[in-house]
Protein backbone atom coordinates (compact mmCIF):
# COMPACT_ATOMS: atom_id res chain seq x y z
CA MET A 1 1.90 216.60 -24.24
CA LEU A 2 3.94 216.96 -21.10
CA TYR A 3 5.19 220.48 -20.61
CA LYS A 4 8.28 220.85 -18.51
CA SER A 5 7.95 223.31 -15.69
CA SER A 6 10.79 225.31 -14.30
CA PRO A 7 10.76 226.27 -10.63
CA ILE A 8 10.83 229.95 -9.80
CA PRO A 9 14.04 230.64 -7.85
CA GLN A 10 13.71 231.08 -4.10
CA SER A 11 10.07 230.08 -4.25
CA ASN A 12 7.71 227.21 -3.71
CA PHE A 13 5.87 227.86 -6.99
CA THR A 14 6.07 226.11 -10.32
CA ILE A 15 4.92 227.47 -13.68
CA LEU A 16 2.38 225.03 -15.03
CA PRO A 17 0.58 224.89 -18.36
CA PHE A 18 -3.13 225.20 -18.73
CA SER A 19 -4.31 223.12 -21.66
CA LEU A 20 -7.60 222.96 -23.48
CA ASN A 21 -8.13 219.64 -25.28
CA GLY A 22 -4.41 219.11 -25.69
CA ALA A 23 -3.56 222.66 -26.81
CA ALA A 24 -1.77 224.97 -24.41
CA VAL A 25 -3.70 228.20 -23.97
CA GLY A 26 -1.76 229.83 -21.16
CA PHE A 27 0.17 229.27 -17.99
CA LYS A 28 -1.00 229.33 -14.40
CA LYS A 29 1.05 229.44 -11.25
CA ARG A 30 0.13 226.73 -8.81
CA LYS A 31 1.68 226.15 -5.44
CA CYS A 32 3.22 222.71 -5.39
CA LYS A 33 3.22 221.18 -1.95
CA LYS A 34 6.58 219.73 -1.03
CA LYS A 35 6.44 216.04 -0.24
CA ARG A 36 9.29 213.97 0.98
CA GLY A 37 11.11 212.25 -1.87
CA PHE A 38 9.49 214.29 -4.68
CA ASP A 39 11.33 217.10 -6.47
CA ILE A 40 9.02 217.95 -9.37
CA CYS A 41 5.27 218.50 -9.40
CA GLU A 42 3.24 218.90 -12.62
CA LYS A 43 -0.49 219.57 -12.74
CA ILE A 44 -2.11 219.34 -16.15
CA CYS A 45 -5.81 220.02 -16.72
CA GLY A 46 -7.80 219.66 -19.90
CA ARG A 47 -11.30 219.44 -21.32
CA ILE A 48 -12.69 216.37 -23.03
CA PHE A 49 -14.93 217.16 -25.99
CA GLN A 50 -15.31 214.66 -28.82
CA LYS A 51 -17.81 212.94 -31.08
CA CYS A 52 -19.29 209.68 -29.88
CA ASP A 53 -17.96 207.80 -32.89
CA GLY A 54 -15.99 205.04 -31.17
CA LYS A 55 -12.59 206.50 -32.18
CA ALA A 56 -9.85 206.92 -29.60
CA ARG A 57 -8.53 210.44 -29.03
CA VAL A 58 -5.27 211.17 -27.21
CA TYR A 59 -5.55 213.77 -24.44
CA PHE A 60 -2.12 213.33 -22.85
CA ARG A 61 1.20 211.88 -23.96
CA SER A 62 4.48 212.14 -22.09
CA LEU A 63 7.69 212.88 -23.92
CA GLY A 64 11.20 212.17 -22.72
CA ILE A 65 10.46 211.17 -19.12
CA HIS A 66 13.18 208.98 -17.70
CA ARG A 67 12.52 209.44 -13.99
CA PRO A 68 10.14 207.20 -12.07
CA SER A 69 7.02 209.07 -11.04
CA THR A 70 3.66 208.71 -9.37
CA SER A 71 0.57 210.12 -11.07
CA VAL A 72 -2.92 210.91 -9.84
CA LEU A 73 -5.45 211.05 -12.69
CA LYS A 74 -9.06 212.18 -12.32
CA ILE A 75 -11.53 211.91 -15.23
CA GLU A 76 -15.03 213.44 -15.10
CA ASN A 77 -17.77 212.54 -17.56
CA ASP A 78 -20.17 215.49 -17.90
CA SER A 79 -22.39 213.88 -20.53
CA ASN A 80 -25.02 211.16 -20.74
CA PHE A 81 -22.78 208.82 -22.77
CA GLN A 82 -20.19 206.26 -21.73
CA MET A 83 -16.50 207.09 -21.91
CA LYS A 84 -13.83 204.45 -22.01
CA ALA A 85 -10.41 205.56 -20.74
CA PHE A 86 -7.19 203.81 -21.72
CA ILE A 87 -4.26 204.69 -19.45
CA LYS A 88 -0.96 203.43 -20.81
CA LEU A 89 1.87 203.18 -18.32
CA GLY A 90 5.42 203.76 -19.51
CA SER A 91 7.43 201.52 -17.24
CA LYS A 92 5.79 198.14 -17.80
CA LYS A 93 3.84 198.77 -21.02
CA LYS A 94 0.71 198.06 -18.99
CA ILE A 95 -2.72 199.36 -20.04
CA ILE A 96 -5.50 200.20 -17.59
CA GLU A 97 -8.96 200.27 -19.16
CA GLN A 98 -11.89 201.86 -17.32
CA THR A 99 -15.47 202.61 -18.37
CA ILE A 100 -16.90 205.84 -16.96
CA ASP A 101 -20.68 206.05 -17.11
CA GLY A 102 -22.60 209.27 -17.75
CA TYR A 103 -22.24 211.99 -15.10
CA GLN A 104 -19.70 209.92 -13.14
CA GLU A 105 -16.02 210.34 -12.39
CA ALA A 106 -13.07 208.05 -11.79
CA ALA A 107 -9.72 208.57 -10.07
CA PHE A 108 -6.53 206.56 -10.47
CA VAL A 109 -3.17 206.49 -8.70
CA VAL A 110 -0.66 204.99 -11.10
CA GLY A 111 3.07 204.90 -11.80
CA SER A 112 4.72 206.62 -14.75
CA ILE A 113 1.88 207.47 -17.13
CA TYR A 114 2.70 207.45 -20.84
CA LYS A 115 -0.61 208.14 -22.59
CA LEU A 116 -4.29 208.88 -21.88
CA GLU A 117 -6.82 208.01 -24.58
CA ILE A 118 -10.60 208.40 -24.41
CA ILE A 119 -13.26 206.67 -26.51
CA CYS A 120 -16.87 207.82 -26.43
CA THR A 121 -19.60 205.40 -27.49
CA ARG A 122 -23.04 206.43 -28.63
CA VAL A 123 -26.32 204.71 -27.94
CA ASP A 124 -28.25 205.75 -31.04
CA GLU A 125 -27.40 206.70 -34.61
CA GLU A 126 -27.27 210.47 -34.06
CA ASP A 127 -23.91 212.22 -33.89
CA LYS A 128 -23.63 213.23 -30.27
CA PHE A 129 -20.73 214.65 -28.31
CA CYS A 130 -19.37 213.60 -25.00
CA LYS A 131 -17.70 216.09 -22.75
CA GLY A 132 -15.88 216.21 -19.49
CA LYS A 133 -12.49 217.06 -18.07
CA PHE A 134 -9.35 215.47 -16.75
CA GLU A 135 -6.76 216.46 -14.15
CA LEU A 136 -3.36 214.87 -13.99
CA MET A 137 -0.85 215.48 -11.21
CA ILE A 138 2.60 214.01 -11.72
CA ARG A 139 5.17 213.84 -8.94
CA SER A 140 8.70 212.63 -9.57
């Protein structure tokens, strides 16, 4: 989910959510560096923890965004299994698919992000879990 932040008056800070596997668990203040042409900065962090059963799980979905934006997405795989990330962009209905091997990370600079889904694939028949984290910074 995309949580709307509201700037603190007379300040350079924005209240940002801290999420754990898609559930908001608190808010953190983060200084948002002003960049020319950008008014809003969102930073969303979350943990990836799911069974390696080949099913896609949604870790981020934007709601009601009508402004063009630029997003920086970083995904870390902290397990020995492969993760497959599906990044769906809102503006052109384009899908970026990337495989992230065990103990690797990947970074993307994309336009308006709509959804982030992760699939974990197992090598053997045992039920294993893959874990990691993602960071998403949205500027619009």
